[in-house]
Amino acid sequence: STGNGGTGGVAGGGGSSGLYHRVLLARGPTAANVLAAQPANPRAAQAAAWVVFADSSGTAEALAGKLRGRGDRVVMVNPGAEYQRRGPDWFEIRAAEPADMTRLLADLSANGDGPVARFVHCWALEANGLDDIGLSQLDRAESFACHTVLHLVQALAAGRAAEPVRIWLVTNGAQAIWPGQKVSLSQSMLWGLGRVLINEQPSLRCRLIDINQAAAERSEDHTYE
């Protein structure tokens, strides 16, 4: 996990032993809070400052709202049956087609949208809730979570971005906080790829964010404010 969610302290006495213990409680990060804390882009009107690969759970939409609220431009990318540009800042691409990712970056540059340097990948969240996952579901989750990130990295390498690129990979329940906690197999695979990128492609400045969607659903105020 990454980011700051606030802390609180609870102190307890140790009785006659004279020992004291202090327990620190920390609220976990959310994608919206962590990413919205990034510096605003002063050239937002000329550059596609953020490209967000949007999930259907609303996490990406909440993030986009925060970024637009501070004046940044956001381009949303959804999975679709074919490549198409549905609006000035809205694309659909096929998860299994690397050519679509290359075309996406080319279209953003060709239309005068400026350099594309910030990417937030939320497609792994599409696999949320698949506890009893089968092979076919695992293959689909791998395509949405890992293959699309690989296609993005390959397209960026071929395009040789002029300015530093940053990539955030967002998952839900991919990491255990305490021993024995259940994790999402379909989402944890993206952390393996992310760690490879961090080690082997440091110029991409890849970051991993694991959120708790169940907590977000119980308390939207704590998650997005």
Protein backbone atom coordinates (compact mmCIF):
# COMPACT_ATOMS: atom_id res chain seq x y z
CA SER A 1 0.00 0.00 0.00
CA THR A 2 1.05 3.59 -0.50
CA GLY A 3 -0.05 7.05 0.56
CA ASN A 4 -1.23 8.57 3.82
CA GLY A 5 -4.62 7.94 5.29
CA GLY A 6 -4.28 9.46 8.76
CA THR A 7 -3.23 7.89 12.05
CA GLY A 8 -4.47 7.69 15.60
CA GLY A 9 -3.00 6.35 18.81
CA VAL A 10 -4.34 4.12 21.55
CA ALA A 11 -2.18 3.71 24.69
CA GLY A 12 -2.57 0.99 27.30
CA GLY A 13 -0.89 0.53 30.66
CA GLY A 14 1.14 -2.51 31.48
CA GLY A 15 -0.02 -2.87 35.09
CA SER A 16 2.47 -3.84 37.77
CA SER A 17 5.08 -4.87 35.22
CA GLY A 18 5.67 -1.21 34.39
CA LEU A 19 5.50 -1.98 30.66
CA TYR A 20 3.37 0.09 28.33
CA HIS A 21 2.20 -0.59 24.83
CA ARG A 22 1.07 1.86 22.19
CA VAL A 23 -1.04 0.82 19.22
CA LEU A 24 -1.08 3.05 16.15
CA LEU A 25 -4.11 2.84 13.89
CA ALA A 26 -3.75 3.90 10.26
CA ARG A 27 -6.42 4.34 7.64
CA GLY A 28 -5.38 2.87 4.31
CA PRO A 29 -4.92 4.90 1.11
CA THR A 30 -7.31 5.24 -1.78
CA ALA A 31 -6.53 5.67 -5.44
CA ALA A 32 -8.30 9.03 -5.55
CA ASN A 33 -6.43 10.47 -2.56
CA VAL A 34 -2.99 9.19 -3.59
CA LEU A 35 -3.18 10.29 -7.21
CA ALA A 36 -4.94 13.59 -6.59
CA ALA A 37 -2.02 14.52 -4.35
CA GLN A 38 0.27 14.59 -7.40
CA PRO A 39 1.29 18.08 -8.59
CA ALA A 40 -1.18 19.75 -10.92
CA ASN A 41 -0.19 20.11 -14.55
CA PRO A 42 0.12 23.82 -15.50
CA ARG A 43 -0.21 22.84 -19.18
CA ALA A 44 -3.44 20.85 -18.73
CA ALA A 45 -5.18 22.78 -21.49
CA GLN A 46 -2.55 21.71 -24.05
CA ALA A 47 -1.55 18.27 -22.77
CA ALA A 48 -3.35 15.05 -21.97
CA ALA A 49 -1.98 15.08 -18.45
CA TRP A 50 -3.73 11.88 -17.36
CA VAL A 51 -4.83 8.80 -19.30
CA VAL A 52 -7.08 6.65 -17.10
CA PHE A 53 -7.94 3.08 -18.06
CA ALA A 54 -11.36 3.06 -16.46
CA ASP A 55 -13.06 0.23 -14.58
CA SER A 56 -16.83 -0.24 -14.24
CA SER A 57 -16.90 -0.02 -10.43
CA GLY A 58 -16.60 3.78 -10.33
CA THR A 59 -13.08 4.03 -8.92
CA ALA A 60 -11.67 5.58 -12.10
CA GLU A 61 -14.63 7.95 -12.44
CA ALA A 62 -14.14 9.20 -8.88
CA LEU A 63 -10.45 9.76 -9.56
CA ALA A 64 -11.16 11.56 -12.84
CA GLY A 65 -13.61 13.85 -11.07
CA LYS A 66 -10.99 14.87 -8.52
CA LEU A 67 -8.34 15.49 -11.17
CA ARG A 68 -10.69 17.53 -13.37
CA GLY A 69 -11.81 19.46 -10.31
CA ARG A 70 -8.33 20.86 -9.86
CA GLY A 71 -8.01 21.77 -13.55
CA ASP A 72 -6.23 18.73 -15.01
CA ARG A 73 -7.30 17.14 -18.27
CA VAL A 74 -8.23 13.46 -18.17
CA VAL A 75 -8.59 11.05 -21.08
CA MET A 76 -10.72 8.00 -20.24
CA VAL A 77 -10.08 4.63 -21.90
CA ASN A 78 -12.66 1.83 -21.62
CA PRO A 79 -12.51 -1.76 -22.85
CA GLY A 80 -14.56 -2.27 -26.00
CA ALA A 81 -15.29 -4.61 -28.89
CA GLU A 82 -13.34 -2.43 -31.33
CA TYR A 83 -11.09 0.60 -31.37
CA GLN A 84 -12.99 3.87 -31.49
CA ARG A 85 -12.82 7.44 -30.27
CA ARG A 86 -16.20 8.16 -28.71
CA GLY A 87 -15.41 11.74 -27.72
CA PRO A 88 -12.57 14.26 -27.38
CA ASP A 89 -11.42 12.61 -24.14
CA TRP A 90 -13.00 9.16 -24.42
CA PHE A 91 -11.63 6.09 -26.17
CA GLU A 92 -12.48 2.40 -26.35
CA ILE A 93 -9.82 -0.21 -27.13
CA ARG A 94 -9.59 -4.00 -27.19
CA ALA A 95 -7.70 -5.52 -24.29
CA ALA A 96 -6.19 -8.32 -26.38
CA GLU A 97 -4.96 -6.11 -29.25
CA PRO A 98 -1.55 -4.46 -28.76
CA ALA A 99 -2.13 -2.50 -31.98
CA ASP A 100 -4.99 -0.65 -30.28
CA MET A 101 -2.65 0.66 -27.58
CA THR A 102 -0.17 1.86 -30.18
CA ARG A 103 -2.98 3.55 -32.09
CA LEU A 104 -4.27 5.20 -28.92
CA LEU A 105 -0.94 6.88 -28.20
CA ALA A 106 -0.54 7.85 -31.84
CA ASP A 107 -4.02 9.41 -31.98
CA LEU A 108 -3.42 11.42 -28.82
CA SER A 109 -0.22 12.84 -30.29
CA ALA A 110 -1.53 13.33 -33.83
CA ASN A 111 -4.54 15.33 -32.70
CA GLY A 112 -2.42 17.95 -30.96
CA ASP A 113 -3.17 16.59 -27.50
CA GLY A 114 0.48 17.00 -26.52
CA PRO A 115 2.72 14.54 -24.72
CA VAL A 116 1.11 11.72 -22.78
CA ALA A 117 3.06 11.10 -19.61
CA ARG A 118 0.68 9.99 -16.83
CA PHE A 119 -1.24 6.73 -16.95
CA VAL A 120 -3.54 5.20 -14.34
CA HIS A 121 -4.50 1.58 -15.00
CA CYS A 122 -7.70 0.43 -13.24
CA TRP A 123 -8.71 -2.44 -15.50
CA ALA A 124 -7.56 -5.04 -12.97
CA LEU A 125 -10.54 -3.97 -10.85
CA GLU A 126 -12.82 -5.64 -13.41
CA ALA A 127 -11.87 -8.97 -11.80
CA ASN A 128 -13.04 -7.86 -8.35
CA GLY A 129 -15.25 -10.36 -6.54
CA LEU A 130 -14.08 -13.46 -8.42
CA ASP A 131 -13.39 -15.60 -5.36
CA ASP A 132 -13.98 -19.00 -6.97
CA ILE A 133 -12.16 -18.12 -10.16
CA GLY A 134 -11.88 -20.67 -12.97
CA LEU A 135 -9.31 -20.94 -15.73
CA SER A 136 -11.38 -19.00 -18.26
CA GLN A 137 -11.99 -16.20 -15.77
CA LEU A 138 -8.32 -16.18 -14.81
CA ASP A 139 -7.33 -15.87 -18.48
CA ARG A 140 -9.68 -12.92 -18.90
CA ALA A 141 -8.36 -11.28 -15.73
CA GLU A 142 -4.80 -11.77 -16.97
CA SER A 143 -5.67 -10.13 -20.28
CA PHE A 144 -7.29 -7.10 -18.63
CA ALA A 145 -4.75 -6.72 -15.83
CA CYS A 146 -1.38 -7.76 -17.26
CA HIS A 147 -1.52 -7.90 -21.05
CA THR A 148 -2.86 -4.37 -21.38
CA VAL A 149 -0.10 -3.01 -19.16
CA LEU A 150 2.48 -4.90 -21.22
CA HIS A 151 0.98 -3.45 -24.42
CA LEU A 152 1.18 0.02 -22.90
CA VAL A 153 4.83 -0.39 -21.94
CA GLN A 154 5.70 -1.71 -25.40
CA ALA A 155 3.88 1.14 -27.12
CA LEU A 156 5.64 3.69 -24.92
CA ALA A 157 9.02 2.12 -25.69
CA ALA A 158 8.32 2.22 -29.42
CA GLY A 159 7.19 5.84 -29.22
CA ARG A 160 10.15 6.97 -27.12
CA ALA A 161 8.32 9.49 -24.93
CA ALA A 162 10.08 12.85 -24.73
CA GLU A 163 9.29 13.44 -21.06
CA PRO A 164 9.31 11.15 -18.02
CA VAL A 165 6.40 8.72 -17.94
CA ARG A 166 4.55 7.71 -14.79
CA ILE A 167 2.31 4.67 -14.49
CA TRP A 168 0.05 3.79 -11.55
CA LEU A 169 -1.35 0.24 -11.38
CA VAL A 170 -4.48 0.02 -9.21
CA THR A 171 -5.70 -3.24 -7.65
CA ASN A 172 -8.20 -4.25 -4.99
CA GLY A 173 -7.29 -6.82 -2.33
CA ALA A 174 -4.10 -7.96 -4.04
CA GLN A 175 -2.00 -7.66 -0.87
CA ALA A 176 -2.52 -9.08 2.62
CA ILE A 177 -2.23 -6.64 5.51
CA TRP A 178 -2.10 -9.29 8.23
CA PRO A 179 -1.22 -13.04 8.26
CA GLY A 180 -3.94 -15.26 6.92
CA GLN A 181 -5.84 -12.51 5.12
CA LYS A 182 -7.42 -13.63 1.87
CA VAL A 183 -6.10 -11.98 -1.28
CA SER A 184 -7.38 -11.77 -4.85
CA LEU A 185 -5.44 -14.14 -7.10
CA SER A 186 -6.77 -12.44 -10.21
CA GLN A 187 -5.41 -9.07 -9.08
CA SER A 188 -2.20 -10.05 -7.32
CA MET A 189 -0.68 -11.16 -10.64
CA LEU A 190 -0.46 -7.50 -11.67
CA TRP A 191 1.82 -6.82 -8.68
CA GLY A 192 4.30 -9.31 -10.09
CA LEU A 193 4.41 -7.46 -13.40
CA GLY A 194 4.53 -4.12 -11.61
CA ARG A 195 7.56 -5.13 -9.57
CA VAL A 196 9.33 -6.26 -12.73
CA LEU A 197 8.68 -2.84 -14.29
CA ILE A 198 9.94 -1.06 -11.18
CA ASN A 199 13.19 -3.05 -11.26
CA GLU A 200 13.80 -3.28 -15.00
CA GLN A 201 12.16 -0.10 -16.33
CA PRO A 202 12.85 2.56 -13.66
CA SER A 203 12.34 5.35 -16.21
CA LEU A 204 8.61 4.52 -16.27
CA ARG A 205 8.27 5.39 -12.57
CA CYS A 206 5.72 2.63 -12.05
CA ARG A 207 3.78 2.67 -8.76
CA LEU A 208 1.44 0.06 -7.26
CA ILE A 209 -1.72 1.01 -5.35
CA ASP A 210 -3.85 -1.62 -3.60
CA ILE A 211 -7.22 -0.36 -2.34
CA ASN A 212 -10.00 -1.84 -0.24
CA GLN A 213 -13.18 -1.48 -2.28
CA ALA A 214 -15.37 -2.99 0.46
CA ALA A 215 -14.32 -0.20 2.82
CA ALA A 216 -14.94 2.35 0.10
CA GLU A 217 -18.49 1.08 -0.35
CA ARG A 218 -19.17 1.30 3.41
CA SER A 219 -17.83 4.84 3.74
CA GLU A 220 -17.49 6.94 0.62
CA ASP A 221 -16.58 10.01 2.66
CA HIS A 222 -13.53 8.30 4.17
CA THR A 223 -12.45 7.03 0.79
CA TYR A 224 -12.68 10.03 -1.49
CA GLU A 225 -12.54 13.12 0.70
